[in-house]
Protein backbone atom coordinates (compact mmCIF):
# COMPACT_ATOMS: atom_id res chain seq x y z
CA MET A 1 0.05 0.01 0.07
CA ASP A 2 1.10 3.56 -0.64
CA ASP A 3 3.06 5.09 2.45
CA ALA A 4 0.85 8.21 2.04
CA GLN A 5 -2.32 6.30 2.74
CA SER A 6 -4.13 6.84 6.04
CA HIS A 7 -3.53 4.03 8.52
CA ILE A 8 -5.37 5.44 11.28
CA SER A 9 -8.10 8.10 11.24
CA VAL A 10 -9.61 10.04 14.30
CA GLU A 11 -12.79 11.80 13.38
CA ASN A 12 -14.50 14.38 15.63
CA LEU A 13 -13.35 12.49 18.95
CA THR A 14 -14.36 13.77 22.22
CA MET A 15 -12.95 12.20 25.45
CA LYS A 16 -14.50 12.53 28.84
CA TYR A 17 -14.17 10.93 32.17
CA GLY A 18 -17.71 11.15 33.46
CA ASP A 19 -18.69 14.79 33.04
CA PHE A 20 -15.21 15.93 33.02
CA LEU A 21 -14.01 16.87 29.54
CA ILE A 22 -10.61 15.92 28.55
CA GLN A 23 -10.40 16.73 24.90
CA LYS A 24 -12.96 17.68 22.25
CA ASP A 25 -13.18 17.94 18.39
CA LEU A 26 -10.02 15.71 17.54
CA THR A 27 -9.65 15.05 13.93
CA PHE A 28 -6.36 13.91 12.41
CA GLU A 29 -4.81 11.28 10.36
CA ILE A 30 -1.86 8.91 11.05
CA LYS A 31 -0.18 8.03 7.69
CA ARG A 32 1.01 4.52 7.07
CA GLY A 33 4.84 4.49 8.05
CA ASP A 34 4.64 7.65 10.23
CA VAL A 35 6.50 7.85 13.51
CA PHE A 36 3.40 9.87 14.97
CA VAL A 37 3.97 11.94 18.17
CA ILE A 38 1.16 12.80 20.51
CA MET A 39 2.38 15.79 22.40
CA GLY A 40 1.38 18.42 24.74
CA GLY A 41 1.76 19.53 28.17
CA SER A 42 1.08 17.49 31.47
CA GLY A 43 -2.63 16.75 31.89
CA CYS A 44 -3.89 17.49 28.35
CA GLY A 45 -4.94 13.94 27.79
CA LYS A 46 -2.01 12.28 25.66
CA SER A 47 -2.10 9.03 27.50
CA THR A 48 -5.98 8.86 27.40
CA LEU A 49 -5.87 9.67 23.66
CA LEU A 50 -3.61 6.50 23.28
CA LYS A 51 -6.04 4.36 25.19
CA HIS A 52 -8.78 5.48 22.92
CA LEU A 53 -6.60 4.56 19.81
CA VAL A 54 -5.90 0.99 21.15
CA GLY A 55 -9.39 0.26 22.14
CA LEU A 56 -9.17 0.52 25.97
CA ILE A 57 -11.60 3.40 26.22
CA THR A 58 -14.85 3.96 24.15
CA PRO A 59 -15.04 7.63 22.83
CA THR A 60 -17.83 9.88 24.09
CA VAL A 61 -18.30 11.21 20.60
CA GLY A 62 -16.44 10.38 17.35
CA ARG A 63 -14.63 7.56 15.66
CA VAL A 64 -11.17 5.82 15.41
CA LEU A 65 -10.76 3.95 12.09
CA TYR A 66 -8.02 1.56 11.12
CA ASP A 67 -7.72 1.49 7.30
CA GLY A 68 -11.18 2.73 6.98
CA VAL A 69 -12.89 0.41 9.43
CA SER A 70 -14.54 2.09 12.23
CA PHE A 71 -13.22 0.22 15.26
CA TRP A 72 -16.20 0.69 17.69
CA ASP A 73 -18.82 -0.04 15.03
CA ALA A 74 -17.08 -3.30 13.98
CA PRO A 75 -18.13 -6.79 15.33
CA VAL A 76 -16.18 -8.01 18.41
CA ALA A 77 -14.18 -10.44 16.27
CA GLU A 78 -13.15 -7.89 13.76
CA ARG A 79 -12.04 -5.51 16.67
CA GLU A 80 -9.96 -8.40 18.17
CA SER A 81 -8.38 -8.98 14.72
CA LEU A 82 -7.57 -5.40 14.35
CA LEU A 83 -5.88 -5.25 17.86
CA ARG A 84 -3.76 -8.21 16.84
CA ARG A 85 -2.23 -6.01 14.19
CA ALA A 86 -1.03 -3.62 16.99
CA GLY A 87 1.73 -3.89 19.63
CA ILE A 88 1.83 -1.74 22.66
CA LEU A 89 4.81 -0.75 24.89
CA TYR A 90 3.54 0.48 28.18
CA GLN A 91 5.35 3.23 30.10
CA LYS A 92 6.85 0.79 32.67
CA GLY A 93 7.49 -2.10 30.19
CA ALA A 94 4.71 -4.10 32.04
CA LEU A 95 6.71 -7.38 32.08
CA TRP A 96 5.69 -10.26 34.08
CA THR A 97 8.30 -10.36 36.87
CA SER A 98 7.95 -14.03 37.54
CA MET A 99 8.81 -14.98 33.84
CA THR A 100 12.05 -14.64 31.91
CA LEU A 101 12.41 -12.34 29.00
CA ALA A 102 12.11 -15.25 26.63
CA GLU A 103 8.77 -16.31 28.37
CA ASN A 104 7.35 -12.82 28.34
CA VAL A 105 7.94 -12.57 24.58
CA ALA A 106 6.57 -16.03 23.87
CA MET A 107 3.39 -15.49 25.76
CA PRO A 108 1.57 -13.75 22.91
CA LEU A 109 2.78 -16.36 20.45
CA GLN A 110 1.44 -19.21 22.54
CA GLN A 111 -1.85 -17.55 22.92
CA TYR A 112 -2.49 -16.44 19.41
CA THR A 113 -0.57 -18.61 17.01
CA LEU A 114 -0.27 -22.35 16.18
CA TYR A 115 3.56 -22.32 15.97
CA SER A 116 5.41 -25.22 17.62
CA GLU A 117 7.49 -24.63 20.75
CA GLN A 118 10.64 -24.79 18.54
CA GLU A 119 9.32 -22.14 16.30
CA ILE A 120 8.33 -19.92 18.95
CA GLU A 121 11.82 -20.13 20.72
CA GLU A 122 13.39 -19.13 17.33
CA ILE A 123 11.08 -16.15 16.95
CA VAL A 124 11.55 -15.17 20.64
CA SER A 125 15.34 -15.20 20.06
CA TYR A 126 14.97 -13.10 16.87
CA LYS A 127 12.79 -10.54 18.52
CA LEU A 128 15.11 -10.09 21.55
CA ALA A 129 18.08 -9.83 18.87
CA LEU A 130 16.21 -7.02 17.20
CA VAL A 131 16.27 -4.93 20.34
CA GLY A 132 19.74 -5.74 21.31
CA LEU A 133 18.96 -8.40 24.04
CA SER A 134 20.52 -11.48 22.33
CA GLY A 135 21.70 -13.76 25.10
CA PHE A 136 19.33 -12.32 27.87
CA GLU A 137 16.50 -14.89 27.10
CA ASP A 138 16.81 -16.50 30.55
CA TYR A 139 17.07 -13.37 32.51
CA TYR A 140 14.30 -12.12 34.69
CA PRO A 141 13.21 -8.46 34.50
CA SER A 142 14.59 -7.62 38.00
CA GLU A 143 18.15 -8.69 36.69
CA ILE A 144 18.29 -6.05 34.04
CA SER A 145 18.35 -2.29 33.84
CA GLY A 146 15.26 -0.14 33.23
CA GLY A 147 16.26 0.52 29.56
CA MET A 148 16.79 -3.17 28.97
CA GLN A 149 13.15 -3.69 30.58
CA LYS A 150 11.83 -1.15 27.95
CA ARG A 151 13.58 -3.15 25.13
CA ALA A 152 12.35 -6.25 26.27
CA GLY A 153 8.70 -4.88 26.56
CA LEU A 154 9.27 -3.72 22.87
CA ALA A 155 10.31 -7.17 21.84
CA ARG A 156 7.11 -8.53 23.35
CA ALA A 157 5.00 -5.89 21.54
CA MET A 158 6.58 -6.97 18.23
CA ALA A 159 5.92 -10.65 18.82
CA LEU A 160 3.02 -10.82 16.55
CA ASP A 161 4.69 -8.78 13.80
CA PRO A 162 2.24 -5.81 14.25
CA GLU A 163 1.70 -3.25 11.59
CA VAL A 164 1.52 -0.44 14.11
CA LEU A 165 3.36 0.05 17.44
CA PHE A 166 2.05 2.22 20.22
CA PHE A 167 4.49 3.73 22.81
CA ASP A 168 3.31 5.36 26.03
CA GLU A 169 6.06 7.67 27.44
CA PRO A 170 9.04 5.35 26.27
CA SER A 171 11.68 7.41 27.68
CA ALA A 172 10.04 7.92 31.20
CA GLY A 173 12.55 7.12 33.99
CA LEU A 174 15.61 6.54 31.51
CA ASP A 175 18.86 8.31 31.60
CA PRO A 176 19.67 10.47 28.52
CA ILE A 177 21.99 7.65 26.85
CA SER A 178 19.29 4.95 27.33
CA SER A 179 16.56 7.42 26.03
CA LYS A 180 18.72 8.07 22.91
CA LEU A 181 19.34 4.34 22.25
CA LEU A 182 15.59 3.75 22.49
CA ASP A 183 15.02 6.62 20.05
CA ASP A 184 17.40 5.18 17.63
CA LEU A 185 15.77 1.80 17.99
CA ILE A 186 12.38 3.24 17.20
CA ILE A 187 13.83 4.87 14.03
CA GLU A 188 15.45 1.60 13.05
CA LEU A 189 12.17 -0.25 13.47
CA ASN A 190 10.17 2.22 11.51
CA ARG A 191 12.69 2.26 8.54
CA GLY A 192 13.63 -1.45 8.63
CA LEU A 193 10.25 -3.04 9.28
CA GLY A 194 7.98 -0.36 7.86
CA ALA A 195 5.80 -0.27 10.99
CA THR A 196 3.61 2.74 11.77
CA ILE A 197 4.70 4.07 15.29
CA VAL A 198 2.53 6.15 17.55
CA VAL A 199 4.44 7.76 20.47
CA VAL A 200 3.04 9.60 23.47
CA THR A 201 5.86 11.94 24.88
CA HIS A 202 6.80 15.27 26.19
CA GLU A 203 10.52 14.85 25.73
CA LEU A 204 11.79 17.39 23.34
CA PRO A 205 15.01 15.45 22.07
CA SER A 206 12.81 12.33 21.27
CA ILE A 207 10.00 14.50 19.63
CA PHE A 208 12.63 16.13 17.20
CA ALA A 209 14.56 13.01 16.75
CA ILE A 210 11.94 10.50 15.69
CA GLY A 211 8.74 12.43 14.86
CA THR A 212 7.65 12.70 11.21
CA ASN A 213 4.18 13.72 12.19
CA SER A 214 2.34 14.86 15.26
CA VAL A 215 -0.70 16.26 16.87
CA PHE A 216 -0.57 18.85 19.64
CA LEU A 217 -3.12 18.81 22.42
CA ASP A 218 -3.93 21.90 24.59
CA ALA A 219 -4.99 21.35 28.12
CA ASP A 220 -6.53 24.91 28.27
CA SER A 221 -8.83 25.04 25.29
CA LYS A 222 -9.29 21.20 25.53
CA THR A 223 -8.66 20.39 21.88
CA MET A 224 -5.93 19.98 19.24
CA ILE A 225 -4.19 23.20 18.08
CA ALA A 226 -1.86 21.72 15.58
CA THR A 227 -0.91 18.66 13.39
CA GLY A 228 2.31 18.16 11.30
CA ALA A 229 5.82 17.34 11.47
CA PRO A 230 7.38 18.74 14.81
CA GLU A 231 10.13 20.44 12.88
CA GLU A 232 7.78 22.30 10.54
CA LEU A 233 5.54 23.34 13.60
CA LEU A 234 8.54 24.95 15.20
CA ARG A 235 9.55 26.57 12.10
CA ASN A 236 6.19 27.79 10.70
CA SER A 237 3.66 28.13 13.75
CA ARG A 238 2.85 31.57 15.22
CA ASP A 239 1.01 30.15 18.07
CA PRO A 240 2.66 31.10 21.35
CA ARG A 241 1.60 27.86 23.03
CA ILE A 242 3.23 25.60 20.25
CA ILE A 243 6.44 27.69 20.41
CA LYS A 244 6.72 27.84 24.11
CA PHE A 245 6.22 24.02 24.37
CA LEU A 246 8.72 23.21 21.42
CA THR A 247 11.32 25.73 22.85
CA ARG A 248 10.76 25.12 26.54
CA GLY A 249 9.92 28.80 26.73
CA GLU A 250 13.31 30.08 25.11
CA ARG A 251 11.57 31.59 22.10
CA GLU A 252 8.53 33.66 21.64
CA ALA A 253 6.13 33.58 18.69
């Protein structure tokens, strides 16, 4: 399919917790092959939007479409099929602490495929090698660093060869070097595997290093105020909220 084709579309989305409005009137497209950044200040609803995109929260108003298929209007079986085409890396990795890295990565393969144990073992070794963890199959999460835990979580997210990968604050808790290594890995996966990647982050180095497209959520107006490549927003925007965020207040509009 053409890289310019829409992979995920958000139409007129409103997000609420009870009567409390988080965001309204969100309309944007994530193109196939994008590294798409969901950005904005603290409390603007970035992680909540991610949860809507992956089917954890039902929209109050609006639709989320995968390749033109409205997720919440689809039958349950089709929704499950759509979700199996996605992988999620949670903020803290979310590894099972009682399982080795190999067992963590193997779990989705055991649950959702008919591969033999030998085939699963080979796939697990390959996925761990992709994230730089070859040889760590028998380690437990407590025996490795936080950055390595994030990479192990990514290997598990990639277990089923997803078309789209979702990251929730992947650099949270990491030192600058580990954060840079994770950014480099995200770029490599995007270019090498052709995966569409959606990242929630407020880290400026990551935003500019990996982002090819983005949406900017504003906490005060409770809606999106920009979409586009982060570098282009910094270069062309005259909105003081965007300039303040993308320069950490060092430049005025």
